[in-house]
Structure formats: C-alpha cells, structure tokens
Amino acid sequence: MSDLDMEKHASFVVGRVLDCGMLNDWYIICDYYGMEKLKEIALRIRSLERKSLSFISTVTDTPKEKFRCYKQIQSKTSHWYF
C-alpha cells in the first residue's frame, strides 16, 4: 500500500474505485484527477465490471463502444448451455 503511486498506478486506482469503491472514493479520485483525466484513464482500462462500465460511460458522456474493456468483453466467447 505504501508503494502505491497515484500517478504511476492511475489505471489500477481508477479501476479499483470503479469496481469496488464507495461514492466517497469516487469523489476523491474526481478531485485528484479531474473528469477529463478520469475519462482518458478509463478508456484504456482492460477490464471493468458491466455496472462500472455503464457508470463511467454515463458520467463522462462517452459511448461504451469506445472503452477498451467493452471491446474485451465482446471478444470473449461464452459457454454454450444446452
């Protein structure tokens, strides 16, 4: 935890706050990074939960299709259920 750098590990921090954080955590990273920087970081994150993707897409007014994690979700093949 002491080795965590907010600039160097920005995608990790933002990803974890989006997936597991509370609303207060969201406010903290919004104040620290700013909305435009958050959008840039979130666009490059490889994996986010569907709810997190919907949230960041709505808040930044960016289509889901532009996010890298959306492309990753679409490329995964699902199991066939018989």
N, C-alpha and C. Protein backbone atom coordinates (compact mmCIF):
# COMPACT_ATOMS: atom_id res chain seq x y z
N MET A 1 0.81 -1.19 0.00
CA MET A 1 0.00 0.00 0.00
C MET A 1 0.86 1.26 0.00
N SER A 2 1.97 1.22 0.69
CA SER A 2 2.84 2.39 0.75
C SER A 2 3.57 2.64 -0.57
N ASP A 3 3.67 1.61 -1.43
CA ASP A 3 4.34 1.74 -2.71
C ASP A 3 3.41 2.24 -3.81
N LEU A 4 2.16 2.42 -3.51
CA LEU A 4 1.18 2.83 -4.50
C LEU A 4 1.33 4.32 -4.81
N ASP A 5 1.58 4.61 -6.08
CA ASP A 5 1.74 5.98 -6.54
C ASP A 5 0.51 6.35 -7.36
N MET A 6 -0.16 7.44 -7.01
CA MET A 6 -1.42 7.82 -7.67
C MET A 6 -1.23 8.15 -9.15
N GLU A 7 -0.05 8.61 -9.53
CA GLU A 7 0.20 8.93 -10.94
C GLU A 7 0.68 7.70 -11.71
N LYS A 8 1.60 6.98 -11.13
CA LYS A 8 2.18 5.82 -11.80
C LYS A 8 1.17 4.68 -11.94
N HIS A 9 0.33 4.48 -10.95
CA HIS A 9 -0.64 3.39 -10.93
C HIS A 9 -2.08 3.91 -11.10
N ALA A 10 -2.24 4.93 -11.93
CA ALA A 10 -3.54 5.59 -12.08
C ALA A 10 -4.62 4.65 -12.59
N SER A 11 -4.29 3.80 -13.57
CA SER A 11 -5.32 2.90 -14.11
C SER A 11 -5.75 1.87 -13.08
N PHE A 12 -4.83 1.42 -12.25
CA PHE A 12 -5.17 0.47 -11.19
C PHE A 12 -6.09 1.13 -10.17
N VAL A 13 -5.74 2.33 -9.74
CA VAL A 13 -6.52 3.05 -8.74
C VAL A 13 -7.93 3.33 -9.26
N VAL A 14 -8.02 3.86 -10.47
CA VAL A 14 -9.33 4.20 -11.04
C VAL A 14 -10.17 2.94 -11.24
N GLY A 15 -9.56 1.88 -11.75
CA GLY A 15 -10.28 0.63 -11.96
C GLY A 15 -10.84 0.05 -10.67
N ARG A 16 -10.04 0.08 -9.62
CA ARG A 16 -10.49 -0.46 -8.34
C ARG A 16 -11.60 0.39 -7.72
N VAL A 17 -11.49 1.70 -7.85
CA VAL A 17 -12.53 2.57 -7.31
C VAL A 17 -13.84 2.35 -8.09
N LEU A 18 -13.74 2.23 -9.40
CA LEU A 18 -14.95 2.00 -10.19
C LEU A 18 -15.60 0.66 -9.86
N ASP A 19 -14.80 -0.38 -9.70
CA ASP A 19 -15.35 -1.72 -9.44
C ASP A 19 -15.74 -1.94 -7.98
N CYS A 20 -14.94 -1.44 -7.05
CA CYS A 20 -15.13 -1.80 -5.64
C CYS A 20 -15.34 -0.62 -4.71
N GLY A 21 -15.16 0.58 -5.20
CA GLY A 21 -15.17 1.75 -4.32
C GLY A 21 -16.55 2.22 -3.93
N MET A 22 -16.55 3.08 -2.94
CA MET A 22 -17.76 3.73 -2.47
C MET A 22 -17.86 5.11 -3.14
N LEU A 23 -18.98 5.77 -2.94
CA LEU A 23 -19.20 7.07 -3.57
C LEU A 23 -18.16 8.10 -3.10
N ASN A 24 -17.78 8.04 -1.84
CA ASN A 24 -16.75 8.96 -1.34
C ASN A 24 -15.41 8.75 -2.04
N ASP A 25 -15.08 7.49 -2.36
CA ASP A 25 -13.86 7.19 -3.10
C ASP A 25 -13.91 7.81 -4.50
N TRP A 26 -15.10 7.75 -5.11
CA TRP A 26 -15.29 8.35 -6.42
C TRP A 26 -15.02 9.86 -6.36
N TYR A 27 -15.54 10.52 -5.33
CA TYR A 27 -15.33 11.96 -5.18
C TYR A 27 -13.85 12.28 -4.99
N ILE A 28 -13.14 11.43 -4.28
CA ILE A 28 -11.71 11.65 -4.04
C ILE A 28 -10.93 11.60 -5.34
N ILE A 29 -11.18 10.57 -6.17
CA ILE A 29 -10.43 10.48 -7.42
C ILE A 29 -10.88 11.55 -8.42
N CYS A 30 -12.13 11.97 -8.35
CA CYS A 30 -12.59 13.08 -9.21
C CYS A 30 -11.84 14.36 -8.86
N ASP A 31 -11.67 14.62 -7.58
CA ASP A 31 -10.93 15.81 -7.16
C ASP A 31 -9.45 15.71 -7.52
N TYR A 32 -8.90 14.51 -7.41
CA TYR A 32 -7.47 14.34 -7.65
C TYR A 32 -7.13 14.41 -9.15
N TYR A 33 -7.86 13.64 -9.97
CA TYR A 33 -7.54 13.54 -11.39
C TYR A 33 -8.29 14.54 -12.26
N GLY A 34 -9.51 14.86 -11.90
CA GLY A 34 -10.36 15.67 -12.77
C GLY A 34 -11.11 14.76 -13.74
N MET A 35 -12.24 15.22 -14.21
CA MET A 35 -13.11 14.36 -15.02
C MET A 35 -12.48 14.00 -16.38
N GLU A 36 -11.78 14.92 -17.00
CA GLU A 36 -11.19 14.64 -18.31
C GLU A 36 -10.08 13.58 -18.20
N LYS A 37 -9.25 13.69 -17.18
CA LYS A 37 -8.18 12.70 -16.97
C LYS A 37 -8.78 11.34 -16.60
N LEU A 38 -9.85 11.34 -15.79
CA LEU A 38 -10.52 10.08 -15.46
C LEU A 38 -11.04 9.40 -16.71
N LYS A 39 -11.60 10.18 -17.61
CA LYS A 39 -12.10 9.62 -18.86
C LYS A 39 -10.97 8.99 -19.67
N GLU A 40 -9.84 9.68 -19.78
CA GLU A 40 -8.69 9.15 -20.52
C GLU A 40 -8.19 7.85 -19.90
N ILE A 41 -8.12 7.81 -18.59
CA ILE A 41 -7.65 6.61 -17.89
C ILE A 41 -8.63 5.46 -18.09
N ALA A 42 -9.90 5.74 -17.92
CA ALA A 42 -10.93 4.70 -18.02
C ALA A 42 -11.02 4.13 -19.44
N LEU A 43 -10.76 4.93 -20.43
CA LEU A 43 -10.81 4.45 -21.81
C LEU A 43 -9.76 3.37 -22.06
N ARG A 44 -8.66 3.39 -21.31
CA ARG A 44 -7.57 2.43 -21.52
C ARG A 44 -7.61 1.22 -20.60
N ILE A 45 -8.50 1.18 -19.62
CA ILE A 45 -8.56 0.06 -18.68
C ILE A 45 -9.03 -1.19 -19.41
N ARG A 46 -8.36 -2.30 -19.18
CA ARG A 46 -8.67 -3.55 -19.89
C ARG A 46 -9.93 -4.24 -19.41
N SER A 47 -10.20 -4.19 -18.13
CA SER A 47 -11.38 -4.91 -17.64
C SER A 47 -12.08 -4.11 -16.55
N LEU A 48 -13.38 -3.97 -16.73
CA LEU A 48 -14.26 -3.37 -15.75
C LEU A 48 -15.53 -4.19 -15.70
N GLU A 49 -16.18 -4.18 -14.57
CA GLU A 49 -17.47 -4.85 -14.48
C GLU A 49 -18.47 -4.07 -15.32
N ARG A 50 -19.53 -4.74 -15.73
CA ARG A 50 -20.52 -4.10 -16.60
C ARG A 50 -21.16 -2.87 -15.96
N LYS A 51 -21.43 -2.93 -14.67
CA LYS A 51 -22.02 -1.78 -13.97
C LYS A 51 -21.05 -0.62 -13.93
N SER A 52 -19.78 -0.91 -13.71
CA SER A 52 -18.77 0.14 -13.68
C SER A 52 -18.62 0.79 -15.04
N LEU A 53 -18.65 -0.02 -16.08
CA LEU A 53 -18.57 0.50 -17.45
C LEU A 53 -19.76 1.40 -17.75
N SER A 54 -20.94 0.98 -17.37
CA SER A 54 -22.14 1.80 -17.58
C SER A 54 -22.05 3.11 -16.82
N PHE A 55 -21.55 3.05 -15.60
CA PHE A 55 -21.43 4.26 -14.78
C PHE A 55 -20.47 5.26 -15.41
N ILE A 56 -19.27 4.82 -15.74
CA ILE A 56 -18.26 5.74 -16.27
C ILE A 56 -18.67 6.24 -17.65
N SER A 57 -19.36 5.41 -18.39
CA SER A 57 -19.86 5.82 -19.70
C SER A 57 -20.90 6.93 -19.56
N THR A 58 -21.79 6.79 -18.61
CA THR A 58 -22.83 7.79 -18.39
C THR A 58 -22.26 9.08 -17.82
N VAL A 59 -21.38 8.96 -16.84
CA VAL A 59 -20.82 10.15 -16.19
C VAL A 59 -19.97 10.98 -17.15
N THR A 60 -19.21 10.31 -18.01
CA THR A 60 -18.34 11.04 -18.93
C THR A 60 -19.00 11.32 -20.27
N ASP A 61 -20.23 10.84 -20.45
CA ASP A 61 -20.98 11.02 -21.70
C ASP A 61 -20.18 10.50 -22.90
N THR A 62 -19.67 9.27 -22.74
CA THR A 62 -18.89 8.60 -23.76
C THR A 62 -19.56 7.28 -24.08
N PRO A 63 -19.72 6.95 -25.36
CA PRO A 63 -20.33 5.66 -25.71
C PRO A 63 -19.50 4.49 -25.18
N LYS A 64 -20.18 3.44 -24.76
CA LYS A 64 -19.49 2.26 -24.22
C LYS A 64 -18.52 1.65 -25.23
N GLU A 65 -18.85 1.76 -26.50
CA GLU A 65 -18.04 1.14 -27.54
C GLU A 65 -16.62 1.70 -27.63
N LYS A 66 -16.40 2.87 -27.09
CA LYS A 66 -15.08 3.50 -27.15
C LYS A 66 -14.13 2.98 -26.07
N PHE A 67 -14.66 2.32 -25.05
CA PHE A 67 -13.83 1.83 -23.96
C PHE A 67 -13.15 0.53 -24.35
N ARG A 68 -11.92 0.38 -23.95
CA ARG A 68 -11.15 -0.83 -24.25
C ARG A 68 -11.77 -2.06 -23.59
N CYS A 69 -12.27 -1.89 -22.38
CA CYS A 69 -12.85 -3.02 -21.67
C CYS A 69 -14.12 -3.52 -22.37
N TYR A 70 -14.84 -2.66 -23.05
CA TYR A 70 -16.03 -3.08 -23.79
C TYR A 70 -15.62 -4.00 -24.94
N LYS A 71 -14.53 -3.65 -25.60
CA LYS A 71 -14.03 -4.48 -26.70
C LYS A 71 -13.56 -5.83 -26.19
N GLN A 72 -12.96 -5.84 -25.00
CA GLN A 72 -12.51 -7.10 -24.40
C GLN A 72 -13.70 -7.98 -24.05
N ILE A 73 -14.77 -7.39 -23.53
CA ILE A 73 -15.96 -8.17 -23.17
C ILE A 73 -16.56 -8.81 -24.42
N GLN A 74 -16.61 -8.07 -25.50
CA GLN A 74 -17.22 -8.56 -26.73
C GLN A 74 -16.40 -9.68 -27.37
N SER A 75 -15.09 -9.68 -27.16
CA SER A 75 -14.24 -10.69 -27.80
C SER A 75 -14.20 -12.01 -27.03
N LYS A 76 -14.70 -12.03 -25.79
CA LYS A 76 -14.74 -13.28 -25.02
C LYS A 76 -15.86 -14.16 -25.53
N THR A 77 -15.57 -15.42 -25.68
CA THR A 77 -16.61 -16.35 -26.07
C THR A 77 -17.27 -16.91 -24.82
N SER A 78 -18.56 -17.05 -24.86
CA SER A 78 -19.27 -17.59 -23.71
C SER A 78 -19.51 -19.07 -23.89
N HIS A 79 -19.79 -19.72 -22.80
CA HIS A 79 -20.06 -21.15 -22.84
C HIS A 79 -21.43 -21.42 -23.45
N TRP A 80 -21.55 -22.54 -24.06
CA TRP A 80 -22.84 -22.93 -24.61
C TRP A 80 -23.60 -23.67 -23.54
N TYR A 81 -24.83 -23.30 -23.36
CA TYR A 81 -25.68 -24.00 -22.40
C TYR A 81 -26.70 -24.81 -23.19
N PHE A 82 -26.77 -26.08 -22.88
CA PHE A 82 -27.70 -26.97 -23.58
C PHE A 82 -28.90 -27.29 -22.73
